[in-house]
């Protein structure tokens, strides 16, 4: 399935960018067909382009695969973030999930409407089932778990990635320290590849623990920016967020995310929801699951993180973050 991407990642996407996003790739996501005009312009013969199929149907069967019998149906196809959205049972309009890996990826189900972003997000196909297309808004931050890896490998503040939580818990807050983890530029909604990482608010009292906690906050703050953009584009709130990926096992990070977003965070029993989503799609096609409602009933939440930060504290934290982001941006 195709997806649209703003024409320029070096600036904030305009409404024109968003309107034309589905035409920047050969597949027109709004009409569900290859774009003949664009293919002709790029001199790509339509005859060489593959047939586009749905996300959950039997495409073929296995043959000659070691340790696997012939004829096992291949029945589910999805991109990794779309599979995670499906694996989190985000089947209702407004349902959203965030995958925390090396980077972080936020998707919201927008139903049958391909919402044109005016706030630097991507309009994409979530899945197609039974001939009906479900769309999503997508936003990504380039650096999430990679910021922790940098503390480990670049600064030597921790020996193992998992050590960051214990180090960050040595202080009750990051104080005035803010870390903008723009180590590879800033992704959505800023789209500033020339932005650079910034740690500010240092004093003689700053310790490794403050920097560790500011790192986790920086990861969480980037998702706040994405959620704010998504709320504005979709015209609806995100009342709770489902999370997955390796970094979602960090309890402190998830609590910080709930506090800074001001909404509950749900972590499933398994954070490997990309694989689970692909399995759900295949299972739906072969009858293991009779419907998406059955999948929703099978979905299990392991832990919910409830916001505990007051509105004034949240506002002060976000103000420090926004000022730091402006300093990290390339326009300054």
C-alpha atoms as a PDB file:
ATOM      1  CA  UNK A   1       0.000   0.000   0.000  1.00  0.00           C
ATOM      2  CA  UNK A   2       1.253   3.487  -0.751  1.00  0.00           C
ATOM      3  CA  UNK A   3       1.655   6.424   1.572  1.00  0.00           C
ATOM      4  CA  UNK A   4       2.213  10.138   1.096  1.00  0.00           C
ATOM      5  CA  UNK A   5       5.112  12.167   2.452  1.00  0.00           C
ATOM      6  CA  UNK A   6       5.500  15.940   2.494  1.00  0.00           C
ATOM      7  CA  UNK A   7       7.568  17.186  -0.443  1.00  0.00           C
ATOM      8  CA  UNK A   8      10.190  18.817   1.739  1.00  0.00           C
ATOM      9  CA  UNK A   9      11.557  17.597   5.061  1.00  0.00           C
ATOM     10  CA  UNK A  10      13.571  20.805   5.486  1.00  0.00           C
ATOM     11  CA  UNK A  11      10.659  23.026   6.421  1.00  0.00           C
ATOM     12  CA  UNK A  12       7.223  22.916   7.953  1.00  0.00           C
ATOM     13  CA  UNK A  13       4.799  21.246   5.564  1.00  0.00           C
ATOM     14  CA  UNK A  14       2.189  23.565   4.069  1.00  0.00           C
ATOM     15  CA  UNK A  15      -1.444  22.787   3.351  1.00  0.00           C
ATOM     16  CA  UNK A  16      -0.511  22.476  -0.323  1.00  0.00           C
ATOM     17  CA  UNK A  17       2.115  19.887   0.587  1.00  0.00           C
ATOM     18  CA  UNK A  18      -0.452  17.919   2.532  1.00  0.00           C
ATOM     19  CA  UNK A  19      -3.063  18.120  -0.228  1.00  0.00           C
ATOM     20  CA  UNK A  20      -0.583  16.818  -2.786  1.00  0.00           C
ATOM     21  CA  UNK A  21       1.109  14.329  -0.470  1.00  0.00           C
ATOM     22  CA  UNK A  22      -0.614  11.320  -2.009  1.00  0.00           C
ATOM     23  CA  UNK A  23       0.790  12.276  -5.427  1.00  0.00           C
ATOM     24  CA  UNK A  24       4.423  12.341  -4.365  1.00  0.00           C
ATOM     25  CA  UNK A  25       4.554   8.564  -4.773  1.00  0.00           C
ATOM     26  CA  UNK A  26       3.267   6.557  -7.694  1.00  0.00           C
ATOM     27  CA  UNK A  27       0.367   5.099  -5.747  1.00  0.00           C
ATOM     28  CA  UNK A  28      -2.568   7.458  -5.227  1.00  0.00           C
ATOM     29  CA  UNK A  29      -3.721   6.615  -1.718  1.00  0.00           C
ATOM     30  CA  UNK A  30      -6.977   8.520  -2.004  1.00  0.00           C
ATOM     31  CA  UNK A  31      -8.228   6.803  -5.155  1.00  0.00           C
ATOM     32  CA  UNK A  32      -6.549   3.440  -4.573  1.00  0.00           C
ATOM     33  CA  UNK A  33      -4.768   3.193  -7.902  1.00  0.00           C
ATOM     34  CA  UNK A  34      -1.473   3.911  -9.587  1.00  0.00           C
ATOM     35  CA  UNK A  35      -1.243   7.560 -10.644  1.00  0.00           C
ATOM     36  CA  UNK A  36      -1.172   7.471 -14.448  1.00  0.00           C
ATOM     37  CA  UNK A  37      -0.171  11.119 -14.811  1.00  0.00           C
ATOM     38  CA  UNK A  38       2.758  10.817 -12.412  1.00  0.00           C
ATOM     39  CA  UNK A  39       3.847   7.485 -13.893  1.00  0.00           C
ATOM     40  CA  UNK A  40       3.809   9.022 -17.352  1.00  0.00           C
ATOM     41  CA  UNK A  41       5.812  12.027 -16.137  1.00  0.00           C
ATOM     42  CA  UNK A  42       8.419   9.712 -14.586  1.00  0.00           C
ATOM     43  CA  UNK A  43       8.325   7.403 -17.606  1.00  0.00           C
ATOM     44  CA  UNK A  44       7.294   4.401 -15.560  1.00  0.00           C
ATOM     45  CA  UNK A  45       5.152   1.977 -17.610  1.00  0.00           C
ATOM     46  CA  UNK A  46       2.014   1.022 -15.701  1.00  0.00           C
ATOM     47  CA  UNK A  47       2.428  -2.543 -16.971  1.00  0.00           C
ATOM     48  CA  UNK A  48       5.511  -3.107 -14.787  1.00  0.00           C
ATOM     49  CA  UNK A  49       3.806  -1.995 -11.577  1.00  0.00           C
ATOM     50  CA  UNK A  50       2.463  -4.778  -9.331  1.00  0.00           C
ATOM     51  CA  UNK A  51      -1.145  -5.447  -8.478  1.00  0.00           C
ATOM     52  CA  UNK A  52      -2.100  -3.766  -5.222  1.00  0.00           C
ATOM     53  CA  UNK A  53      -3.833  -6.145  -2.815  1.00  0.00           C
ATOM     54  CA  UNK A  54      -5.511  -5.730   0.544  1.00  0.00           C
ATOM     55  CA  UNK A  55      -3.786  -6.138   3.889  1.00  0.00           C
ATOM     56  CA  UNK A  56      -5.457  -9.393   4.920  1.00  0.00           C
ATOM     57  CA  UNK A  57      -6.013 -12.055   2.245  1.00  0.00           C
ATOM     58  CA  UNK A  58      -4.267 -15.168   0.991  1.00  0.00           C
ATOM     59  CA  UNK A  59      -1.622 -14.115  -1.518  1.00  0.00           C
ATOM     60  CA  UNK A  60       0.372 -17.309  -1.900  1.00  0.00           C
ATOM     61  CA  UNK A  61       1.636 -20.363  -0.022  1.00  0.00           C
ATOM     62  CA  UNK A  62       5.022 -21.492   1.181  1.00  0.00           C
ATOM     63  CA  UNK A  63       7.110 -23.908  -0.849  1.00  0.00           C
ATOM     64  CA  UNK A  64      10.601 -25.203  -0.216  1.00  0.00           C
ATOM     65  CA  UNK A  65      11.073 -23.310   3.057  1.00  0.00           C
ATOM     66  CA  UNK A  66      13.279 -25.276   5.486  1.00  0.00           C
ATOM     67  CA  UNK A  67      11.448 -26.615   8.568  1.00  0.00           C
ATOM     68  CA  UNK A  68       8.100 -25.433   7.205  1.00  0.00           C
ATOM     69  CA  UNK A  69       5.658 -27.562   5.308  1.00  0.00           C
ATOM     70  CA  UNK A  70       4.591 -26.528   1.830  1.00  0.00           C
ATOM     71  CA  UNK A  71       1.288 -24.775   1.440  1.00  0.00           C
ATOM     72  CA  UNK A  72       1.254 -22.631   4.570  1.00  0.00           C
ATOM     73  CA  UNK A  73      -0.742 -19.558   3.484  1.00  0.00           C
ATOM     74  CA  UNK A  74       0.937 -16.171   3.303  1.00  0.00           C
ATOM     75  CA  UNK A  75      -1.994 -14.021   4.302  1.00  0.00           C
ATOM     76  CA  UNK A  76      -1.038 -10.700   5.898  1.00  0.00           C
ATOM     77  CA  UNK A  77       0.924  -7.739   4.535  1.00  0.00           C
ATOM     78  CA  UNK A  78       1.490  -4.390   6.244  1.00  0.00           C
ATOM     79  CA  UNK A  79       4.199  -1.842   6.894  1.00  0.00           C
ATOM     80  CA  UNK A  80       5.758  -2.041  10.321  1.00  0.00           C
ATOM     81  CA  UNK A  81       3.958   0.952  11.841  1.00  0.00           C
ATOM     82  CA  UNK A  82       0.636   0.029  10.232  1.00  0.00           C
ATOM     83  CA  UNK A  83       1.043  -3.497  11.597  1.00  0.00           C
ATOM     84  CA  UNK A  84       1.709  -2.067  15.055  1.00  0.00           C
ATOM     85  CA  UNK A  85      -1.437   0.075  14.825  1.00  0.00           C
ATOM     86  CA  UNK A  86      -3.426  -3.044  13.927  1.00  0.00           C
ATOM     87  CA  UNK A  87      -1.642  -5.077  16.608  1.00  0.00           C
ATOM     88  CA  UNK A  88      -2.697  -2.495  19.191  1.00  0.00           C
ATOM     89  CA  UNK A  89      -6.334  -2.995  18.110  1.00  0.00           C
ATOM     90  CA  UNK A  90      -6.637   0.678  17.168  1.00  0.00           C
ATOM     91  CA  UNK A  91      -9.777   0.039  15.140  1.00  0.00           C
ATOM     92  CA  UNK A  92     -11.859   3.098  16.090  1.00  0.00           C
ATOM     93  CA  UNK A  93     -11.428   6.583  14.660  1.00  0.00           C
ATOM     94  CA  UNK A  94      -9.157   8.514  17.018  1.00  0.00           C
ATOM     95  CA  UNK A  95      -7.376   5.452  18.405  1.00  0.00           C
ATOM     96  CA  UNK A  96      -3.632   6.093  18.471  1.00  0.00           C
ATOM     97  CA  UNK A  97      -0.441   4.237  19.256  1.00  0.00           C
ATOM     98  CA  UNK A  98       3.204   5.179  19.614  1.00  0.00           C
ATOM     99  CA  UNK A  99       6.071   2.771  18.960  1.00  0.00           C
ATOM    100  CA  UNK A 100       9.270   3.605  20.867  1.00  0.00           C
ATOM    101  CA  UNK A 101      12.341   2.151  19.213  1.00  0.00           C
ATOM    102  CA  UNK A 102      15.482   3.804  17.895  1.00  0.00           C
ATOM    103  CA  UNK A 103      13.062   6.506  16.796  1.00  0.00           C
ATOM    104  CA  UNK A 104       9.419   6.947  17.808  1.00  0.00           C
ATOM    105  CA  UNK A 105       6.382   6.664  15.542  1.00  0.00           C
ATOM    106  CA  UNK A 106       2.889   7.906  16.316  1.00  0.00           C
ATOM    107  CA  UNK A 107      -0.142   6.832  14.247  1.00  0.00           C
ATOM    108  CA  UNK A 108      -3.812   7.711  14.617  1.00  0.00           C
ATOM    109  CA  UNK A 109      -6.690   5.922  12.932  1.00  0.00           C
ATOM    110  CA  UNK A 110      -8.716   8.456  10.886  1.00  0.00           C
ATOM    111  CA  UNK A 111     -11.176   5.948   9.443  1.00  0.00           C
ATOM    112  CA  UNK A 112     -12.298   6.311   5.839  1.00  0.00           C
ATOM    113  CA  UNK A 113     -11.067   9.908   5.650  1.00  0.00           C
ATOM    114  CA  UNK A 114      -7.550  10.605   4.369  1.00  0.00           C
ATOM    115  CA  UNK A 115      -6.973  13.681   6.535  1.00  0.00           C
ATOM    116  CA  UNK A 116      -4.722  16.242   4.843  1.00  0.00           C
ATOM    117  CA  UNK A 117      -2.197  17.439   7.398  1.00  0.00           C
ATOM    118  CA  UNK A 118      -1.608  21.150   7.917  1.00  0.00           C
ATOM    119  CA  UNK A 119       0.821  20.532  10.771  1.00  0.00           C
ATOM    120  CA  UNK A 120       3.732  18.604   9.304  1.00  0.00           C
ATOM    121  CA  UNK A 121       2.373  15.064   9.559  1.00  0.00           C
ATOM    122  CA  UNK A 122       1.995  12.333   6.932  1.00  0.00           C
ATOM    123  CA  UNK A 123      -1.280  11.041   5.537  1.00  0.00           C
ATOM    124  CA  UNK A 124      -1.016   7.308   5.005  1.00  0.00           C
ATOM    125  CA  UNK A 125      -3.010   4.123   4.507  1.00  0.00           C
ATOM    126  CA  UNK A 126      -3.401   2.116   7.707  1.00  0.00           C
ATOM    127  CA  UNK A 127      -4.838  -1.026   6.087  1.00  0.00           C
ATOM    128  CA  UNK A 128      -7.398  -2.229   3.590  1.00  0.00           C
ATOM    129  CA  UNK A 129      -9.836  -4.953   4.630  1.00  0.00           C
ATOM    130  CA  UNK A 130     -12.597  -6.337   2.444  1.00  0.00           C
ATOM    131  CA  UNK A 131     -12.087  -3.597  -0.122  1.00  0.00           C
ATOM    132  CA  UNK A 132     -12.474  -0.816   2.457  1.00  0.00           C
ATOM    133  CA  UNK A 133      -9.494   1.452   3.137  1.00  0.00           C
ATOM    134  CA  UNK A 134      -8.712   2.800   6.588  1.00  0.00           C
ATOM    135  CA  UNK A 135      -6.411   5.825   6.738  1.00  0.00           C
ATOM    136  CA  UNK A 136      -4.101   7.190   9.400  1.00  0.00           C
ATOM    137  CA  UNK A 137      -2.072  10.226  10.317  1.00  0.00           C
ATOM    138  CA  UNK A 138       1.570   9.492  11.058  1.00  0.00           C
ATOM    139  CA  UNK A 139       4.330  11.442  12.753  1.00  0.00           C
ATOM    140  CA  UNK A 140       7.847  10.339  13.574  1.00  0.00           C
ATOM    141  CA  UNK A 141      10.688  11.549  15.752  1.00  0.00           C
ATOM    142  CA  UNK A 142      14.090  10.491  14.458  1.00  0.00           C
ATOM    143  CA  UNK A 143      15.663   9.886  17.866  1.00  0.00           C
ATOM    144  CA  UNK A 144      14.109   8.054  20.808  1.00  0.00           C
ATOM    145  CA  UNK A 145      15.959   5.008  22.124  1.00  0.00           C
ATOM    146  CA  UNK A 146      18.968   6.211  20.119  1.00  0.00           C
ATOM    147  CA  UNK A 147      19.361   9.058  22.620  1.00  0.00           C
ATOM    148  CA  UNK A 148      19.839   6.512  25.395  1.00  0.00           C
ATOM    149  CA  UNK A 149      22.318   4.625  23.226  1.00  0.00           C
ATOM    150  CA  UNK A 150      24.266   7.873  22.850  1.00  0.00           C
ATOM    151  CA  UNK A 151      24.451   8.298  26.607  1.00  0.00           C
ATOM    152  CA  UNK A 152      25.803   4.735  26.767  1.00  0.00           C
ATOM    153  CA  UNK A 153      28.196   4.721  23.815  1.00  0.00           C
ATOM    154  CA  UNK A 154      29.024   8.401  23.341  1.00  0.00           C
ATOM    155  CA  UNK A 155      29.215   9.699  26.896  1.00  0.00           C
ATOM    156  CA  UNK A 156      29.665   6.502  28.886  1.00  0.00           C
ATOM    157  CA  UNK A 157      27.113   7.563  31.504  1.00  0.00           C
ATOM    158  CA  UNK A 158      25.599   4.065  31.634  1.00  0.00           C
ATOM    159  CA  UNK A 159      26.892   0.584  30.852  1.00  0.00           C
ATOM    160  CA  UNK A 160      23.617  -0.887  29.566  1.00  0.00           C
ATOM    161  CA  UNK A 161      20.603   0.781  27.991  1.00  0.00           C
ATOM    162  CA  UNK A 162      18.378  -0.538  30.777  1.00  0.00           C
ATOM    163  CA  UNK A 163      20.508   1.293  33.365  1.00  0.00           C
ATOM    164  CA  UNK A 164      19.076   4.690  32.406  1.00  0.00           C
ATOM    165  CA  UNK A 165      15.906   4.258  34.439  1.00  0.00           C
ATOM    166  CA  UNK A 166      17.725   3.596  37.708  1.00  0.00           C
ATOM    167  CA  UNK A 167      20.105   6.508  37.053  1.00  0.00           C
ATOM    168  CA  UNK A 168      17.268   8.897  36.191  1.00  0.00           C
ATOM    169  CA  UNK A 169      15.358   7.919  39.337  1.00  0.00           C
ATOM    170  CA  UNK A 170      18.214   9.165  41.527  1.00  0.00           C
ATOM    171  CA  UNK A 171      16.782  12.682  41.173  1.00  0.00           C
ATOM    172  CA  UNK A 172      13.124  13.715  41.575  1.00  0.00           C
ATOM    173  CA  UNK A 173      13.276  15.917  38.494  1.00  0.00           C
ATOM    174  CA  UNK A 174      15.650  17.128  35.800  1.00  0.00           C
ATOM    175  CA  UNK A 175      15.545  20.585  37.375  1.00  0.00           C
ATOM    176  CA  UNK A 176      16.229  23.194  34.721  1.00  0.00           C
ATOM    177  CA  UNK A 177      18.035  20.730  32.441  1.00  0.00           C
ATOM    178  CA  UNK A 178      16.428  20.163  29.029  1.00  0.00           C
ATOM    179  CA  UNK A 179      17.762  17.832  26.352  1.00  0.00           C
ATOM    180  CA  UNK A 180      16.529  18.269  22.788  1.00  0.00           C
ATOM    181  CA  UNK A 181      17.649  14.966  21.190  1.00  0.00           C
ATOM    182  CA  UNK A 182      18.005  16.362  17.675  1.00  0.00           C
ATOM    183  CA  UNK A 183      21.032  14.147  17.059  1.00  0.00           C
ATOM    184  CA  UNK A 184      19.867  13.569  13.471  1.00  0.00           C
ATOM    185  CA  UNK A 185      17.830  16.736  13.038  1.00  0.00           C
ATOM    186  CA  UNK A 186      14.187  17.090  14.028  1.00  0.00           C
ATOM    187  CA  UNK A 187      11.452  15.036  12.382  1.00  0.00           C
ATOM    188  CA  UNK A 188       7.733  15.753  12.460  1.00  0.00           C
ATOM    189  CA  UNK A 189       6.198  18.187  13.028  1.00  0.00           C
ATOM    190  CA  UNK A 190       9.260  20.446  12.675  1.00  0.00           C
ATOM    191  CA  UNK A 191      11.012  18.790   9.685  1.00  0.00           C
ATOM    192  CA  UNK A 192      14.322  20.498  10.349  1.00  0.00           C
ATOM    193  CA  UNK A 193      17.221  18.252   9.269  1.00  0.00           C
ATOM    194  CA  UNK A 194      19.734  20.950  10.228  1.00  0.00           C
ATOM    195  CA  UNK A 195      18.601  21.207  13.852  1.00  0.00           C
ATOM    196  CA  UNK A 196      21.193  19.932  16.302  1.00  0.00           C
ATOM    197  CA  UNK A 197      21.045  18.298  19.703  1.00  0.00           C
ATOM    198  CA  UNK A 198      21.005  20.663  22.659  1.00  0.00           C
ATOM    199  CA  UNK A 199      21.436  20.245  26.402  1.00  0.00           C
ATOM    200  CA  UNK A 200      20.712  23.443  28.296  1.00  0.00           C
ATOM    201  CA  UNK A 201      19.995  24.557  31.843  1.00  0.00           C
ATOM    202  CA  UNK A 202      23.239  23.131  33.237  1.00  0.00           C
ATOM    203  CA  UNK A 203      24.672  24.314  36.548  1.00  0.00           C
ATOM    204  CA  UNK A 204      27.348  23.243  39.032  1.00  0.00           C
ATOM    205  CA  UNK A 205      24.670  21.073  40.650  1.00  0.00           C
ATOM    206  CA  UNK A 206      23.899  19.122  37.470  1.00  0.00           C
ATOM    207  CA  UNK A 207      24.702  15.412  37.701  1.00  0.00           C
ATOM    208  CA  UNK A 208      24.608  12.461  35.343  1.00  0.00           C
ATOM    209  CA  UNK A 209      21.212  11.629  36.841  1.00  0.00           C
ATOM    210  CA  UNK A 210      19.791  14.998  35.749  1.00  0.00           C
ATOM    211  CA  UNK A 211      21.020  14.421  32.205  1.00  0.00           C
ATOM    212  CA  UNK A 212      19.590  10.895  32.189  1.00  0.00           C
ATOM    213  CA  UNK A 213      16.197  12.147  33.343  1.00  0.00           C
ATOM    214  CA  UNK A 214      16.276  15.026  30.835  1.00  0.00           C
ATOM    215  CA  UNK A 215      16.979  12.469  28.115  1.00  0.00           C
ATOM    216  CA  UNK A 216      13.834  10.516  28.954  1.00  0.00           C
ATOM    217  CA  UNK A 217      11.873  13.752  29.127  1.00  0.00           C
ATOM    218  CA  UNK A 218      13.247  14.791  25.724  1.00  0.00           C
ATOM    219  CA  UNK A 219      11.986  11.552  24.190  1.00  0.00           C
ATOM    220  CA  UNK A 220       8.573  12.125  25.769  1.00  0.00           C
ATOM    221  CA  UNK A 221       8.403  15.807  24.787  1.00  0.00           C
ATOM    222  CA  UNK A 222       8.848  14.928  21.111  1.00  0.00           C
ATOM    223  CA  UNK A 223       5.720  12.767  21.315  1.00  0.00           C
ATOM    224  CA  UNK A 224       3.853  15.662  22.923  1.00  0.00           C
ATOM    225  CA  UNK A 225       4.686  17.760  19.851  1.00  0.00           C
ATOM    226  CA  UNK A 226       3.407  14.979  17.578  1.00  0.00           C
ATOM    227  CA  UNK A 227       0.211  14.520  19.586  1.00  0.00           C
ATOM    228  CA  UNK A 228      -0.489  18.276  19.520  1.00  0.00           C
ATOM    229  CA  UNK A 229      -0.072  18.311  15.728  1.00  0.00           C
ATOM    230  CA  UNK A 230      -2.260  15.236  15.364  1.00  0.00           C
ATOM    231  CA  UNK A 231      -5.016  16.682  17.534  1.00  0.00           C
ATOM    232  CA  UNK A 232      -5.016  19.842  15.416  1.00  0.00           C
ATOM    233  CA  UNK A 233      -5.132  17.938  12.124  1.00  0.00           C
ATOM    234  CA  UNK A 234      -7.763  15.414  13.172  1.00  0.00           C
ATOM    235  CA  UNK A 235      -9.912  17.922  15.032  1.00  0.00           C
ATOM    236  CA  UNK A 236     -10.344  15.481  17.903  1.00  0.00           C
ATOM    237  CA  UNK A 237      -8.497  14.710  21.137  1.00  0.00           C
ATOM    238  CA  UNK A 238      -6.314  11.709  21.811  1.00  0.00           C
ATOM    239  CA  UNK A 239      -7.903  10.648  25.077  1.00  0.00           C
ATOM    240  CA  UNK A 240      -5.394   7.855  25.746  1.00  0.00           C
ATOM    241  CA  UNK A 241      -2.319   6.493  24.010  1.00  0.00           C
ATOM    242  CA  UNK A 242      -1.283   2.874  23.419  1.00  0.00           C
ATOM    243  CA  UNK A 243       2.460   2.253  23.458  1.00  0.00           C
ATOM    244  CA  UNK A 244       4.822  -0.476  22.294  1.00  0.00           C
ATOM    245  CA  UNK A 245       8.416  -1.056  21.243  1.00  0.00           C
ATOM    246  CA  UNK A 246      11.505  -1.770  23.309  1.00  0.00           C
ATOM    247  CA  UNK A 247      11.650   1.598  25.084  1.00  0.00           C
ATOM    248  CA  UNK A 248       8.027   1.219  26.196  1.00  0.00           C
ATOM    249  CA  UNK A 249       9.276  -1.198  28.864  1.00  0.00           C
ATOM    250  CA  UNK A 250      10.872   1.769  30.654  1.00  0.00           C
ATOM    251  CA  UNK A 251       8.361   2.547  33.401  1.00  0.00           C
ATOM    252  CA  UNK A 252       9.760   5.998  34.143  1.00  0.00           C
ATOM    253  CA  UNK A 253       9.625   7.038  30.489  1.00  0.00           C
ATOM    254  CA  UNK A 254       6.014   5.902  30.211  1.00  0.00           C
ATOM    255  CA  UNK A 255       5.019   7.732  33.392  1.00  0.00           C
ATOM    256  CA  UNK A 256       6.735  10.890  32.141  1.00  0.00           C
ATOM    257  CA  UNK A 257       4.847  10.531  28.863  1.00  0.00           C
ATOM    258  CA  UNK A 258       1.522  10.226  30.664  1.00  0.00           C
ATOM    259  CA  UNK A 259       2.364  13.243  32.832  1.00  0.00           C
ATOM    260  CA  UNK A 260       3.452  15.470  29.946  1.00  0.00           C
ATOM    261  CA  UNK A 261       0.569  14.461  27.679  1.00  0.00           C
ATOM    262  CA  UNK A 262      -1.992  14.566  30.455  1.00  0.00           C
ATOM    263  CA  UNK A 263      -3.641  11.339  29.243  1.00  0.00           C
ATOM    264  CA  UNK A 264      -3.442   7.683  30.324  1.00  0.00           C
ATOM    265  CA  UNK A 265      -0.866   5.459  28.637  1.00  0.00           C
ATOM    266  CA  UNK A 266      -1.696   1.799  27.954  1.00  0.00           C
ATOM    267  CA  UNK A 267       1.090  -0.754  27.522  1.00  0.00           C
ATOM    268  CA  UNK A 268       0.042  -4.169  26.150  1.00  0.00           C
ATOM    269  CA  UNK A 269       1.083  -7.547  27.484  1.00  0.00           C
ATOM    270  CA  UNK A 270       3.571  -7.806  24.611  1.00  0.00           C
ATOM    271  CA  UNK A 271       5.358  -4.742  23.243  1.00  0.00           C
ATOM    272  CA  UNK A 272       6.196  -6.569  19.983  1.00  0.00           C
ATOM    273  CA  UNK A 273       2.972  -5.396  18.393  1.00  0.00           C
ATOM    274  CA  UNK A 274       4.368  -5.071  14.865  1.00  0.00           C
ATOM    275  CA  UNK A 275       4.748  -8.855  14.719  1.00  0.00           C
ATOM    276  CA  UNK A 276       1.431  -9.337  16.500  1.00  0.00           C
ATOM    277  CA  UNK A 277      -0.334  -7.056  14.030  1.00  0.00           C
ATOM    278  CA  UNK A 278       1.022  -9.001  11.054  1.00  0.00           C
ATOM    279  CA  UNK A 279      -0.154 -12.211  12.727  1.00  0.00           C
ATOM    280  CA  UNK A 280      -3.602 -10.713  13.385  1.00  0.00           C
ATOM    281  CA  UNK A 281      -3.937  -9.756   9.710  1.00  0.00           C
ATOM    282  CA  UNK A 282      -2.936 -13.249   8.597  1.00  0.00           C
ATOM    283  CA  UNK A 283      -5.188 -14.866  11.176  1.00  0.00           C
ATOM    284  CA  UNK A 284      -8.115 -12.765  10.024  1.00  0.00           C
ATOM    285  CA  UNK A 285      -7.595 -13.932   6.439  1.00  0.00           C
ATOM    286  CA  UNK A 286      -7.507 -17.654   7.272  1.00  0.00           C
ATOM    287  CA  UNK A 287     -10.295 -17.630   9.835  1.00  0.00           C
ATOM    288  CA  UNK A 288      -8.355 -17.830  13.100  1.00  0.00           C
ATOM    289  CA  UNK A 289     -10.165 -14.598  13.976  1.00  0.00           C
ATOM    290  CA  UNK A 290     -13.691 -14.169  12.616  1.00  0.00           C
ATOM    291  CA  UNK A 291     -13.623 -10.364  12.844  1.00  0.00           C
ATOM    292  CA  UNK A 292     -11.680  -7.355  14.064  1.00  0.00           C
ATOM    293  CA  UNK A 293     -14.000  -7.335  17.088  1.00  0.00           C
ATOM    294  CA  UNK A 294     -12.607 -10.742  18.039  1.00  0.00           C
ATOM    295  CA  UNK A 295      -9.086  -9.334  17.742  1.00  0.00           C
ATOM    296  CA  UNK A 296     -10.028  -6.386  19.945  1.00  0.00           C
ATOM    297  CA  UNK A 297     -11.322  -8.818  22.580  1.00  0.00           C
ATOM    298  CA  UNK A 298      -8.036 -10.758  22.412  1.00  0.00           C
ATOM    299  CA  UNK A 299      -5.940  -7.614  22.985  1.00  0.00           C
ATOM    300  CA  UNK A 300      -4.538  -7.425  26.513  1.00  0.00           C
ATOM    301  CA  UNK A 301      -3.312  -4.337  28.402  1.00  0.00           C
ATOM    302  CA  UNK A 302      -0.596  -5.122  30.934  1.00  0.00           C
ATOM    303  CA  UNK A 303      -0.250  -1.725  32.587  1.00  0.00           C
ATOM    304  CA  UNK A 304      -1.828   1.726  32.489  1.00  0.00           C
ATOM    305  CA  UNK A 305       0.110   4.853  33.456  1.00  0.00           C
ATOM    306  CA  UNK A 306      -2.126   7.585  34.868  1.00  0.00           C
ATOM    307  CA  UNK A 307      -1.079  11.261  34.728  1.00  0.00           C
ATOM    308  CA  UNK A 308       0.016  12.604  38.093  1.00  0.00           C
ATOM    309  CA  UNK A 309       1.498  15.990  37.125  1.00  0.00           C
ATOM    310  CA  UNK A 310      -0.489  19.136  37.831  1.00  0.00           C
ATOM    311  CA  UNK A 311      -1.513  21.477  35.025  1.00  0.00           C
ATOM    312  CA  UNK A 312       0.816  24.276  36.173  1.00  0.00           C
ATOM    313  CA  UNK A 313       3.835  21.969  36.359  1.00  0.00           C
ATOM    314  CA  UNK A 314       3.000  20.534  32.926  1.00  0.00           C
ATOM    315  CA  UNK A 315       2.754  24.030  31.465  1.00  0.00           C
ATOM    316  CA  UNK A 316       6.135  25.011  32.958  1.00  0.00           C
ATOM    317  CA  UNK A 317       7.799  21.847  31.616  1.00  0.00           C
ATOM    318  CA  UNK A 318       6.377  22.390  28.133  1.00  0.00           C
ATOM    319  CA  UNK A 319       7.459  26.037  28.159  1.00  0.00           C
ATOM    320  CA  UNK A 320      11.085  25.061  28.898  1.00  0.00           C
ATOM    321  CA  UNK A 321      10.932  22.428  26.141  1.00  0.00           C
ATOM    322  CA  UNK A 322       9.541  24.812  23.533  1.00  0.00           C
ATOM    323  CA  UNK A 323      12.178  27.428  24.303  1.00  0.00           C
ATOM    324  CA  UNK A 324      14.920  24.799  23.996  1.00  0.00           C
ATOM    325  CA  UNK A 325      13.541  23.535  20.673  1.00  0.00           C
ATOM    326  CA  UNK A 326      13.613  27.069  19.267  1.00  0.00           C
ATOM    327  CA  UNK A 327      17.297  27.298  20.236  1.00  0.00           C
ATOM    328  CA  UNK A 328      18.046  23.956  18.598  1.00  0.00           C
ATOM    329  CA  UNK A 329      16.350  24.868  15.314  1.00  0.00           C
ATOM    330  CA  UNK A 330      18.495  25.754  12.303  1.00  0.00           C
ATOM    331  CA  UNK A 331      16.829  29.138  11.708  1.00  0.00           C
ATOM    332  CA  UNK A 332      18.588  30.682  14.692  1.00  0.00           C
END
